Amino acid sequence: MALTTLDAHIALIVVDLQKGIVALPTAHPIATVVQNARALADAFRARDLPVVLVNVTGGAPGRTEQARRLGELPDDWAELVAELDRQPQDHTVTKRTWGAFTGTDLAQHLKKLGVTQVVIAGVATSIGVESTARQAHELGFNVALAIDAMTDMSPEAHLNSITRIFPRLGETGTVREIIDRLASSHSRAAP
């Protein structure tokens, strides 16, 4: 379903745009994804709407068929990219699983603010973004997904999430569509 509306109480969640992950090969140019996520963050901040910046520092402990290939990580691996222009009012979440809600304060933080809808962007589309969207949906948030502010390491996985999974979890739209809806439904904050 295409983006129809944005709730009055909305927040942006940017998933895993951190140094170690943006350095990996992706299906779409990561610089464009980061630029689009920054445009969303700037639009939300300009309207005094919550921005949540998520990074990941580990993984769930269970056994998997596909071996984890991370090995030794550089010290700055989990640092958010500077291009996001983190602001003091941004809420940061460090996760240790795929989804941003498991084992974090994210749900409580958003509920305390009265948030009813989340816009999600980041990497990887089929992992961190999709898991966070599934959890948000299950927690009762309306979900919007900024499809040109996300990418994956696999073009096929990205396409599967965008075309098959996301329409079942919420609505999708481009960054421009989301910003245009913000402009028409949320007045700018006073300077």
N, C-alpha and C. Protein backbone atom coordinates (compact mmCIF):
# COMPACT_ATOMS: atom_id res chain seq x y z
N MET A 1 0.85 -1.17 0.00
CA MET A 1 0.00 0.00 0.00
C MET A 1 0.90 1.24 0.00
N ALA A 2 0.62 2.15 -0.85
CA ALA A 2 1.38 3.39 -0.92
C ALA A 2 1.05 4.26 0.29
N LEU A 3 1.93 5.16 0.60
CA LEU A 3 1.78 6.05 1.74
C LEU A 3 0.51 6.89 1.59
N THR A 4 -0.38 6.82 2.58
CA THR A 4 -1.63 7.57 2.51
C THR A 4 -1.63 8.79 3.43
N THR A 5 -1.11 8.61 4.63
CA THR A 5 -1.14 9.70 5.60
C THR A 5 -0.05 9.52 6.63
N LEU A 6 0.26 10.59 7.34
CA LEU A 6 1.18 10.51 8.47
C LEU A 6 0.42 10.94 9.71
N ASP A 7 0.60 10.20 10.79
CA ASP A 7 -0.06 10.52 12.05
C ASP A 7 0.52 11.81 12.63
N ALA A 8 -0.23 12.43 13.51
CA ALA A 8 0.24 13.64 14.19
C ALA A 8 1.43 13.33 15.10
N HIS A 9 1.43 12.15 15.69
CA HIS A 9 2.50 11.76 16.62
C HIS A 9 3.36 10.70 15.96
N ILE A 10 4.37 11.16 15.27
CA ILE A 10 5.20 10.31 14.42
C ILE A 10 6.66 10.44 14.83
N ALA A 11 7.43 9.39 14.61
CA ALA A 11 8.87 9.41 14.89
C ALA A 11 9.60 8.74 13.74
N LEU A 12 10.84 9.13 13.57
CA LEU A 12 11.73 8.52 12.58
C LEU A 12 12.68 7.57 13.29
N ILE A 13 12.85 6.38 12.74
CA ILE A 13 13.84 5.42 13.24
C ILE A 13 14.82 5.12 12.10
N VAL A 14 16.10 5.42 12.32
CA VAL A 14 17.15 5.16 11.34
C VAL A 14 17.99 4.01 11.88
N VAL A 15 18.02 2.91 11.13
CA VAL A 15 18.61 1.65 11.59
C VAL A 15 20.00 1.42 10.99
N ASP A 16 20.97 1.27 11.87
CA ASP A 16 22.30 0.72 11.56
C ASP A 16 23.11 1.48 10.50
N LEU A 17 22.90 2.78 10.38
CA LEU A 17 23.78 3.56 9.50
C LEU A 17 25.00 3.94 10.33
N GLN A 18 25.89 2.97 10.44
CA GLN A 18 27.09 3.07 11.27
C GLN A 18 28.30 2.70 10.43
N LYS A 19 29.46 3.13 10.89
CA LYS A 19 30.68 3.01 10.09
C LYS A 19 30.95 1.60 9.58
N GLY A 20 30.84 0.61 10.44
CA GLY A 20 31.16 -0.76 10.03
C GLY A 20 30.21 -1.33 9.01
N ILE A 21 28.95 -0.93 9.07
CA ILE A 21 27.96 -1.49 8.14
C ILE A 21 27.94 -0.73 6.83
N VAL A 22 28.05 0.58 6.86
CA VAL A 22 28.03 1.33 5.59
C VAL A 22 29.28 1.04 4.76
N ALA A 23 30.31 0.44 5.36
CA ALA A 23 31.52 0.08 4.61
C ALA A 23 31.35 -1.22 3.82
N LEU A 24 30.27 -1.95 4.09
CA LEU A 24 30.03 -3.22 3.39
C LEU A 24 29.46 -2.95 1.99
N PRO A 25 29.65 -3.88 1.06
CA PRO A 25 29.04 -3.73 -0.27
C PRO A 25 27.52 -3.84 -0.18
N THR A 26 26.82 -2.92 -0.83
CA THR A 26 25.36 -2.90 -0.77
C THR A 26 24.76 -2.92 -2.17
N ALA A 27 23.48 -3.25 -2.23
CA ALA A 27 22.76 -3.35 -3.50
C ALA A 27 22.54 -1.98 -4.15
N HIS A 28 22.47 -0.94 -3.35
CA HIS A 28 22.26 0.43 -3.83
C HIS A 28 23.35 1.31 -3.26
N PRO A 29 23.70 2.39 -3.93
CA PRO A 29 24.78 3.25 -3.41
C PRO A 29 24.48 3.74 -1.99
N ILE A 30 25.37 3.38 -1.06
CA ILE A 30 25.14 3.71 0.34
C ILE A 30 25.16 5.22 0.58
N ALA A 31 25.91 5.96 -0.19
CA ALA A 31 25.96 7.42 -0.01
C ALA A 31 24.58 8.03 -0.24
N THR A 32 23.84 7.53 -1.21
CA THR A 32 22.48 8.02 -1.48
C THR A 32 21.53 7.65 -0.34
N VAL A 33 21.66 6.44 0.17
CA VAL A 33 20.83 5.99 1.29
C VAL A 33 21.07 6.88 2.50
N VAL A 34 22.33 7.14 2.82
CA VAL A 34 22.68 7.99 3.96
C VAL A 34 22.16 9.41 3.73
N GLN A 35 22.34 9.93 2.53
CA GLN A 35 21.85 11.28 2.20
C GLN A 35 20.34 11.36 2.37
N ASN A 36 19.62 10.36 1.92
CA ASN A 36 18.15 10.35 2.05
C ASN A 36 17.73 10.22 3.52
N ALA A 37 18.43 9.40 4.28
CA ALA A 37 18.12 9.27 5.71
C ALA A 37 18.38 10.60 6.42
N ARG A 38 19.44 11.28 6.04
CA ARG A 38 19.73 12.59 6.63
C ARG A 38 18.63 13.60 6.29
N ALA A 39 18.15 13.58 5.05
CA ALA A 39 17.07 14.49 4.65
C ALA A 39 15.82 14.24 5.51
N LEU A 40 15.51 12.98 5.76
CA LEU A 40 14.38 12.66 6.64
C LEU A 40 14.63 13.18 8.05
N ALA A 41 15.82 12.90 8.58
CA ALA A 41 16.15 13.34 9.94
C ALA A 41 16.04 14.86 10.05
N ASP A 42 16.56 15.58 9.06
CA ASP A 42 16.48 17.04 9.07
C ASP A 42 15.03 17.52 9.05
N ALA A 43 14.19 16.86 8.24
CA ALA A 43 12.78 17.25 8.15
C ALA A 43 12.06 16.98 9.47
N PHE A 44 12.34 15.87 10.11
CA PHE A 44 11.72 15.57 11.40
C PHE A 44 12.21 16.56 12.46
N ARG A 45 13.50 16.79 12.50
CA ARG A 45 14.04 17.73 13.51
C ARG A 45 13.49 19.13 13.33
N ALA A 46 13.33 19.58 12.10
CA ALA A 46 12.82 20.92 11.83
C ALA A 46 11.41 21.10 12.36
N ARG A 47 10.70 19.99 12.55
CA ARG A 47 9.32 20.03 13.05
C ARG A 47 9.22 19.56 14.49
N ASP A 48 10.36 19.47 15.16
CA ASP A 48 10.42 18.98 16.55
C ASP A 48 9.78 17.62 16.72
N LEU A 49 9.96 16.76 15.72
CA LEU A 49 9.47 15.38 15.78
C LEU A 49 10.63 14.47 16.17
N PRO A 50 10.37 13.41 16.93
CA PRO A 50 11.44 12.54 17.42
C PRO A 50 12.22 11.83 16.31
N VAL A 51 13.53 11.80 16.52
CA VAL A 51 14.44 11.05 15.65
C VAL A 51 15.16 10.04 16.53
N VAL A 52 15.14 8.78 16.12
CA VAL A 52 15.81 7.71 16.83
C VAL A 52 16.91 7.16 15.92
N LEU A 53 18.13 7.16 16.42
CA LEU A 53 19.27 6.64 15.67
C LEU A 53 19.71 5.34 16.34
N VAL A 54 19.72 4.27 15.56
CA VAL A 54 19.98 2.92 16.08
C VAL A 54 21.31 2.42 15.53
N ASN A 55 22.10 1.81 16.41
CA ASN A 55 23.27 1.06 15.95
C ASN A 55 23.22 -0.34 16.54
N VAL A 56 24.07 -1.20 16.03
CA VAL A 56 24.10 -2.58 16.49
C VAL A 56 25.52 -2.92 16.92
N THR A 57 25.63 -3.63 18.06
CA THR A 57 26.95 -4.00 18.57
C THR A 57 27.12 -5.49 18.75
N GLY A 58 26.13 -6.28 18.39
CA GLY A 58 26.25 -7.72 18.57
C GLY A 58 25.11 -8.43 17.88
N GLY A 59 24.98 -9.70 18.17
CA GLY A 59 23.92 -10.49 17.57
C GLY A 59 23.30 -11.42 18.59
N ALA A 60 22.15 -11.93 18.25
CA ALA A 60 21.49 -12.89 19.12
C ALA A 60 22.38 -14.12 19.26
N PRO A 61 22.36 -14.78 20.42
CA PRO A 61 23.32 -15.85 20.68
C PRO A 61 23.02 -17.21 20.07
N GLY A 62 21.84 -17.42 19.50
CA GLY A 62 21.46 -18.75 19.04
C GLY A 62 22.28 -19.27 17.86
N ARG A 63 22.23 -20.60 17.68
CA ARG A 63 22.91 -21.25 16.55
C ARG A 63 22.19 -20.94 15.26
N THR A 64 22.94 -20.79 14.18
CA THR A 64 22.38 -20.59 12.85
C THR A 64 23.12 -21.46 11.85
N GLU A 65 22.47 -21.75 10.74
CA GLU A 65 23.14 -22.51 9.68
C GLU A 65 24.21 -21.68 8.99
N GLN A 66 23.93 -20.39 8.84
CA GLN A 66 24.89 -19.50 8.19
C GLN A 66 25.81 -18.92 9.26
N ALA A 67 27.08 -19.19 9.12
CA ALA A 67 28.04 -18.73 10.12
C ALA A 67 28.11 -17.20 10.15
N ARG A 68 28.31 -16.67 11.36
CA ARG A 68 28.53 -15.23 11.49
C ARG A 68 29.94 -14.94 11.01
N ARG A 69 30.07 -13.94 10.15
CA ARG A 69 31.36 -13.67 9.52
C ARG A 69 32.00 -12.38 10.00
N LEU A 70 31.60 -11.86 11.13
CA LEU A 70 32.11 -10.56 11.54
C LEU A 70 33.55 -10.60 12.03
N GLY A 71 33.93 -11.58 12.80
CA GLY A 71 35.29 -11.65 13.29
C GLY A 71 35.62 -10.47 14.19
N GLU A 72 36.88 -10.06 14.19
CA GLU A 72 37.35 -8.93 14.99
C GLU A 72 36.89 -7.62 14.35
N LEU A 73 36.23 -6.78 15.14
CA LEU A 73 35.68 -5.52 14.61
C LEU A 73 36.54 -4.34 15.04
N PRO A 74 36.69 -3.35 14.15
CA PRO A 74 37.42 -2.14 14.53
C PRO A 74 36.69 -1.40 15.66
N ASP A 75 37.42 -0.60 16.42
CA ASP A 75 36.85 0.12 17.55
C ASP A 75 35.69 1.02 17.15
N ASP A 76 35.74 1.61 15.95
CA ASP A 76 34.69 2.55 15.54
C ASP A 76 33.58 1.89 14.71
N TRP A 77 33.55 0.57 14.67
CA TRP A 77 32.60 -0.17 13.84
C TRP A 77 31.15 0.24 14.10
N ALA A 78 30.77 0.45 15.36
CA ALA A 78 29.38 0.74 15.72
C ALA A 78 29.06 2.23 15.76
N GLU A 79 30.02 3.10 15.48
CA GLU A 79 29.76 4.54 15.51
C GLU A 79 28.83 4.95 14.38
N LEU A 80 27.81 5.74 14.71
CA LEU A 80 26.91 6.26 13.68
C LEU A 80 27.69 7.13 12.72
N VAL A 81 27.32 7.11 11.44
CA VAL A 81 28.04 7.92 10.46
C VAL A 81 27.79 9.41 10.75
N ALA A 82 28.82 10.20 10.58
CA ALA A 82 28.75 11.64 10.86
C ALA A 82 27.71 12.35 10.00
N GLU A 83 27.47 11.82 8.80
CA GLU A 83 26.51 12.44 7.88
C GLU A 83 25.10 12.52 8.43
N LEU A 84 24.77 11.71 9.43
CA LEU A 84 23.44 11.78 10.05
C LEU A 84 23.28 13.03 10.91
N ASP A 85 24.40 13.67 11.25
CA ASP A 85 24.39 14.90 12.03
C ASP A 85 23.61 14.73 13.33
N ARG A 86 24.01 13.74 14.10
CA ARG A 86 23.34 13.46 15.37
C ARG A 86 23.20 14.73 16.20
N GLN A 87 22.00 14.94 16.72
CA GLN A 87 21.70 16.12 17.52
C GLN A 87 21.43 15.70 18.97
N PRO A 88 21.62 16.63 19.91
CA PRO A 88 21.42 16.28 21.33
C PRO A 88 20.02 15.73 21.64
N GLN A 89 19.01 16.19 20.93
CA GLN A 89 17.65 15.73 21.20
C GLN A 89 17.34 14.37 20.57
N ASP A 90 18.21 13.87 19.70
CA ASP A 90 17.99 12.55 19.09
C ASP A 90 18.12 11.48 20.17
N HIS A 91 17.28 10.48 20.09
CA HIS A 91 17.35 9.33 21.00
C HIS A 91 18.20 8.26 20.33
N THR A 92 19.18 7.74 21.01
CA THR A 92 20.01 6.68 20.44
C THR A 92 19.69 5.35 21.11
N VAL A 93 19.73 4.32 20.30
CA VAL A 93 19.45 2.97 20.76
C VAL A 93 20.57 2.06 20.26
N THR A 94 21.16 1.30 21.17
CA THR A 94 22.14 0.29 20.80
C THR A 94 21.46 -1.06 20.95
N LYS A 95 21.41 -1.80 19.86
CA LYS A 95 20.75 -3.10 19.88
C LYS A 95 21.78 -4.22 19.72
N ARG A 96 21.39 -5.40 20.14
CA ARG A 96 22.26 -6.56 20.04
C ARG A 96 21.55 -7.71 19.32
N THR A 97 20.44 -7.37 18.68
CA THR A 97 19.68 -8.32 17.87
C THR A 97 19.32 -7.59 16.58
N TRP A 98 18.59 -8.24 15.70
CA TRP A 98 18.23 -7.61 14.43
C TRP A 98 17.28 -6.43 14.62
N GLY A 99 16.27 -6.59 15.46
CA GLY A 99 15.25 -5.56 15.62
C GLY A 99 15.59 -4.56 16.71
N ALA A 100 15.21 -3.31 16.52
CA ALA A 100 15.56 -2.22 17.43
C ALA A 100 14.73 -2.21 18.71
N PHE A 101 13.68 -3.01 18.81
CA PHE A 101 12.84 -3.00 20.00
C PHE A 101 13.25 -4.05 21.04
N THR A 102 13.83 -5.16 20.60
CA THR A 102 14.18 -6.25 21.51
C THR A 102 15.33 -5.84 22.44
N GLY A 103 15.06 -5.92 23.74
CA GLY A 103 16.11 -5.65 24.72
C GLY A 103 16.54 -4.19 24.83
N THR A 104 15.72 -3.27 24.32
CA THR A 104 16.05 -1.84 24.39
C THR A 104 14.88 -1.08 25.01
N ASP A 105 15.08 0.22 25.21
CA ASP A 105 14.02 1.07 25.76
C ASP A 105 13.18 1.73 24.68
N LEU A 106 13.32 1.32 23.43
CA LEU A 106 12.69 2.03 22.33
C LEU A 106 11.16 2.09 22.44
N ALA A 107 10.51 0.98 22.71
CA ALA A 107 9.04 0.99 22.80
C ALA A 107 8.57 1.93 23.91
N GLN A 108 9.20 1.85 25.08
CA GLN A 108 8.81 2.71 26.19
C GLN A 108 9.05 4.19 25.84
N HIS A 109 10.17 4.47 25.21
CA HIS A 109 10.49 5.85 24.83
C HIS A 109 9.42 6.41 23.89
N LEU A 110 9.07 5.66 22.86
CA LEU A 110 8.08 6.14 21.89
C LEU A 110 6.69 6.26 22.53
N LYS A 111 6.32 5.29 23.33
CA LYS A 111 5.00 5.34 23.98
C LYS A 111 4.92 6.55 24.93
N LYS A 112 6.01 6.83 25.65
CA LYS A 112 6.04 7.98 26.56
C LYS A 112 5.82 9.28 25.80
N LEU A 113 6.30 9.34 24.56
CA LEU A 113 6.12 10.53 23.73
C LEU A 113 4.77 10.56 23.02
N GLY A 114 3.99 9.49 23.16
CA GLY A 114 2.68 9.42 22.51
C GLY A 114 2.75 9.08 21.04
N VAL A 115 3.87 8.54 20.58
CA VAL A 115 4.05 8.21 19.17
C VAL A 115 3.10 7.09 18.77
N THR A 116 2.43 7.28 17.62
CA THR A 116 1.52 6.26 17.09
C THR A 116 2.00 5.70 15.75
N GLN A 117 2.98 6.38 15.13
CA GLN A 117 3.48 5.94 13.83
C GLN A 117 4.99 6.12 13.79
N VAL A 118 5.67 5.19 13.12
CA VAL A 118 7.10 5.30 12.91
C VAL A 118 7.41 5.22 11.42
N VAL A 119 8.38 6.02 11.00
CA VAL A 119 8.95 5.94 9.67
C VAL A 119 10.31 5.28 9.86
N ILE A 120 10.59 4.26 9.06
CA ILE A 120 11.82 3.50 9.25
C ILE A 120 12.68 3.57 7.99
N ALA A 121 14.00 3.75 8.21
CA ALA A 121 14.99 3.80 7.14
C ALA A 121 16.25 3.09 7.64
N GLY A 122 17.19 2.78 6.75
CA GLY A 122 18.47 2.23 7.18
C GLY A 122 18.89 0.99 6.41
N VAL A 123 19.77 0.21 7.05
CA VAL A 123 20.28 -1.04 6.48
C VAL A 123 20.27 -2.11 7.56
N ALA A 124 20.22 -3.30 7.19
CA ALA A 124 19.91 -3.87 5.90
C ALA A 124 18.40 -4.05 5.80
N THR A 125 17.88 -3.81 4.61
CA THR A 125 16.44 -3.84 4.38
C THR A 125 15.81 -5.11 4.94
N SER A 126 16.40 -6.26 4.63
CA SER A 126 15.80 -7.55 5.00
C SER A 126 16.16 -8.00 6.41
N ILE A 127 17.00 -7.25 7.09
CA ILE A 127 17.43 -7.68 8.43
C ILE A 127 17.00 -6.64 9.47
N GLY A 128 17.83 -5.64 9.71
CA GLY A 128 17.53 -4.65 10.75
C GLY A 128 16.28 -3.85 10.48
N VAL A 129 16.09 -3.41 9.24
CA VAL A 129 14.92 -2.61 8.90
C VAL A 129 13.65 -3.47 9.00
N GLU A 130 13.66 -4.62 8.35
CA GLU A 130 12.47 -5.47 8.37
C GLU A 130 12.14 -5.96 9.78
N SER A 131 13.14 -6.35 10.55
CA SER A 131 12.89 -6.81 11.92
C SER A 131 12.30 -5.70 12.77
N THR A 132 12.83 -4.50 12.63
CA THR A 132 12.31 -3.35 13.38
C THR A 132 10.88 -3.04 12.95
N ALA A 133 10.61 -3.11 11.65
CA ALA A 133 9.25 -2.87 11.15
C ALA A 133 8.28 -3.93 11.66
N ARG A 134 8.69 -5.18 11.67
CA ARG A 134 7.83 -6.25 12.19
C ARG A 134 7.50 -6.00 13.66
N GLN A 135 8.53 -5.66 14.44
CA GLN A 135 8.32 -5.42 15.86
C GLN A 135 7.41 -4.21 16.09
N ALA A 136 7.64 -3.14 15.34
CA ALA A 136 6.80 -1.94 15.48
C ALA A 136 5.35 -2.28 15.17
N HIS A 137 5.15 -3.02 14.10
CA HIS A 137 3.80 -3.43 13.71
C HIS A 137 3.15 -4.26 14.82
N GLU A 138 3.89 -5.22 15.36
CA GLU A 138 3.37 -6.08 16.42
C GLU A 138 3.06 -5.30 17.70
N LEU A 139 3.78 -4.20 17.93
CA LEU A 139 3.55 -3.37 19.11
C LEU A 139 2.43 -2.35 18.92
N GLY A 140 1.83 -2.34 17.72
CA GLY A 140 0.68 -1.49 17.48
C GLY A 140 0.99 -0.13 16.86
N PHE A 141 2.22 0.10 16.45
CA PHE A 141 2.55 1.34 15.76
C PHE A 141 2.13 1.24 14.29
N ASN A 142 1.65 2.32 13.71
CA ASN A 142 1.52 2.40 12.27
C ASN A 142 2.94 2.52 11.73
N VAL A 143 3.21 1.85 10.62
CA VAL A 143 4.57 1.78 10.09
C VAL A 143 4.59 2.36 8.68
N ALA A 144 5.56 3.24 8.43
CA ALA A 144 5.84 3.72 7.07
C ALA A 144 7.31 3.43 6.80
N LEU A 145 7.61 3.02 5.60
CA LEU A 145 8.97 2.62 5.24
C LEU A 145 9.47 3.48 4.08
N ALA A 146 10.59 4.14 4.30
CA ALA A 146 11.18 5.03 3.30
C ALA A 146 12.06 4.20 2.37
N ILE A 147 11.49 3.73 1.28
CA ILE A 147 12.15 2.72 0.45
C ILE A 147 13.42 3.20 -0.25
N ASP A 148 13.60 4.50 -0.43
CA ASP A 148 14.85 4.97 -1.05
C ASP A 148 15.84 5.48 0.00
N ALA A 149 15.56 5.19 1.26
CA ALA A 149 16.51 5.49 2.34
C ALA A 149 16.89 4.18 3.03
N MET A 150 16.94 3.12 2.24
CA MET A 150 17.35 1.82 2.76
C MET A 150 17.98 1.00 1.64
N THR A 151 18.79 0.05 2.03
CA THR A 151 19.38 -0.88 1.09
C THR A 151 19.76 -2.15 1.84
N ASP A 152 20.25 -3.10 1.09
CA ASP A 152 20.59 -4.41 1.62
C ASP A 152 21.90 -4.85 0.98
N MET A 153 22.48 -5.88 1.48
CA MET A 153 23.67 -6.45 0.86
C MET A 153 23.26 -7.34 -0.32
N SER A 154 21.99 -7.75 -0.34
CA SER A 154 21.47 -8.61 -1.40
C SER A 154 20.33 -7.89 -2.13
N PRO A 155 20.46 -7.69 -3.46
CA PRO A 155 19.36 -7.07 -4.20
C PRO A 155 18.07 -7.88 -4.11
N GLU A 156 18.18 -9.20 -4.10
CA GLU A 156 17.00 -10.06 -4.04
C GLU A 156 16.29 -9.93 -2.69
N ALA A 157 17.06 -9.90 -1.63
CA ALA A 157 16.48 -9.75 -0.29
C ALA A 157 15.80 -8.39 -0.15
N HIS A 158 16.44 -7.34 -0.66
CA HIS A 158 15.87 -6.00 -0.63
C HIS A 158 14.53 -5.99 -1.37
N LEU A 159 14.52 -6.53 -2.57
CA LEU A 159 13.29 -6.55 -3.38
C LEU A 159 12.19 -7.35 -2.69
N ASN A 160 12.54 -8.48 -2.10
CA ASN A 160 11.55 -9.29 -1.38
C ASN A 160 10.91 -8.49 -0.25
N SER A 161 11.73 -7.81 0.54
CA SER A 161 11.19 -7.02 1.65
C SER A 161 10.29 -5.91 1.15
N ILE A 162 10.74 -5.18 0.15
CA ILE A 162 9.99 -4.03 -0.39
C ILE A 162 8.66 -4.46 -1.00
N THR A 163 8.68 -5.55 -1.77
CA THR A 163 7.48 -5.93 -2.53
C THR A 163 6.56 -6.91 -1.81
N ARG A 164 7.12 -7.77 -0.95
CA ARG A 164 6.30 -8.82 -0.35
C ARG A 164 6.03 -8.62 1.14
N ILE A 165 7.01 -8.12 1.86
CA ILE A 165 6.86 -8.04 3.32
C ILE A 165 6.32 -6.69 3.77
N PHE A 166 6.92 -5.61 3.32
CA PHE A 166 6.53 -4.28 3.81
C PHE A 166 5.07 -3.93 3.58
N PRO A 167 4.47 -4.29 2.43
CA PRO A 167 3.05 -3.98 2.26
C PRO A 167 2.15 -4.67 3.29
N ARG A 168 2.66 -5.71 3.94
CA ARG A 168 1.89 -6.42 4.97
C ARG A 168 2.11 -5.83 6.36
N LEU A 169 3.15 -4.97 6.48
CA LEU A 169 3.48 -4.38 7.78
C LEU A 169 3.09 -2.91 7.88
N GLY A 170 2.91 -2.26 6.75
CA GLY A 170 2.60 -0.83 6.78
C GLY A 170 2.49 -0.27 5.38
N GLU A 171 2.94 0.96 5.23
CA GLU A 171 2.89 1.65 3.95
C GLU A 171 4.29 2.05 3.54
N THR A 172 4.52 2.10 2.23
CA THR A 172 5.83 2.48 1.72
C THR A 172 5.74 3.79 0.97
N GLY A 173 6.84 4.50 0.95
CA GLY A 173 6.91 5.75 0.21
C GLY A 173 8.36 6.17 0.03
N THR A 174 8.55 7.12 -0.84
CA THR A 174 9.89 7.66 -1.04
C THR A 174 10.14 8.75 0.00
N VAL A 175 11.39 9.11 0.15
CA VAL A 175 11.75 10.19 1.06
C VAL A 175 11.02 11.47 0.66
N ARG A 176 10.97 11.77 -0.63
CA ARG A 176 10.28 12.98 -1.09
C ARG A 176 8.80 12.94 -0.70
N GLU A 177 8.14 11.79 -0.90
CA GLU A 177 6.73 11.67 -0.52
C GLU A 177 6.53 11.88 0.98
N ILE A 178 7.42 11.30 1.77
CA ILE A 178 7.30 11.44 3.22
C ILE A 178 7.53 12.89 3.64
N ILE A 179 8.55 13.52 3.10
CA ILE A 179 8.82 14.92 3.45
C ILE A 179 7.68 15.82 2.99
N ASP A 180 7.13 15.57 1.81
CA ASP A 180 5.99 16.36 1.33
C ASP A 180 4.79 16.20 2.26
N ARG A 181 4.53 14.97 2.72
CA ARG A 181 3.42 14.75 3.66
C ARG A 181 3.69 15.44 4.99
N LEU A 182 4.94 15.40 5.44
CA LEU A 182 5.29 16.12 6.67
C LEU A 182 5.01 17.61 6.51
N ALA A 183 5.41 18.15 5.36
CA ALA A 183 5.24 19.59 5.12
C ALA A 183 3.77 19.98 5.12
N SER A 184 2.91 19.10 4.62
CA SER A 184 1.49 19.45 4.55
C SER A 184 0.73 19.15 5.84
N SER A 185 1.27 18.26 6.68
CA SER A 185 0.52 17.87 7.88
C SER A 185 1.17 18.30 9.20
N HIS A 186 2.41 18.71 9.17
CA HIS A 186 3.12 19.10 10.39
C HIS A 186 3.78 20.46 10.17
N SER A 187 3.30 21.46 10.88
CA SER A 187 3.87 22.80 10.70
C SER A 187 5.31 22.82 11.21
N ARG A 188 6.08 23.69 10.63
CA ARG A 188 7.48 23.85 11.03
C ARG A 188 7.56 24.41 12.44
N ALA A 189 8.61 24.03 13.12
CA ALA A 189 8.85 24.56 14.47
C ALA A 189 9.25 26.04 14.35
N ALA A 190 8.93 26.78 15.37
CA ALA A 190 9.32 28.20 15.38
C ALA A 190 10.83 28.30 15.52
N PRO A 191 11.45 29.29 14.83
CA PRO A 191 12.92 29.41 14.92
C PRO A 191 13.37 29.80 16.31
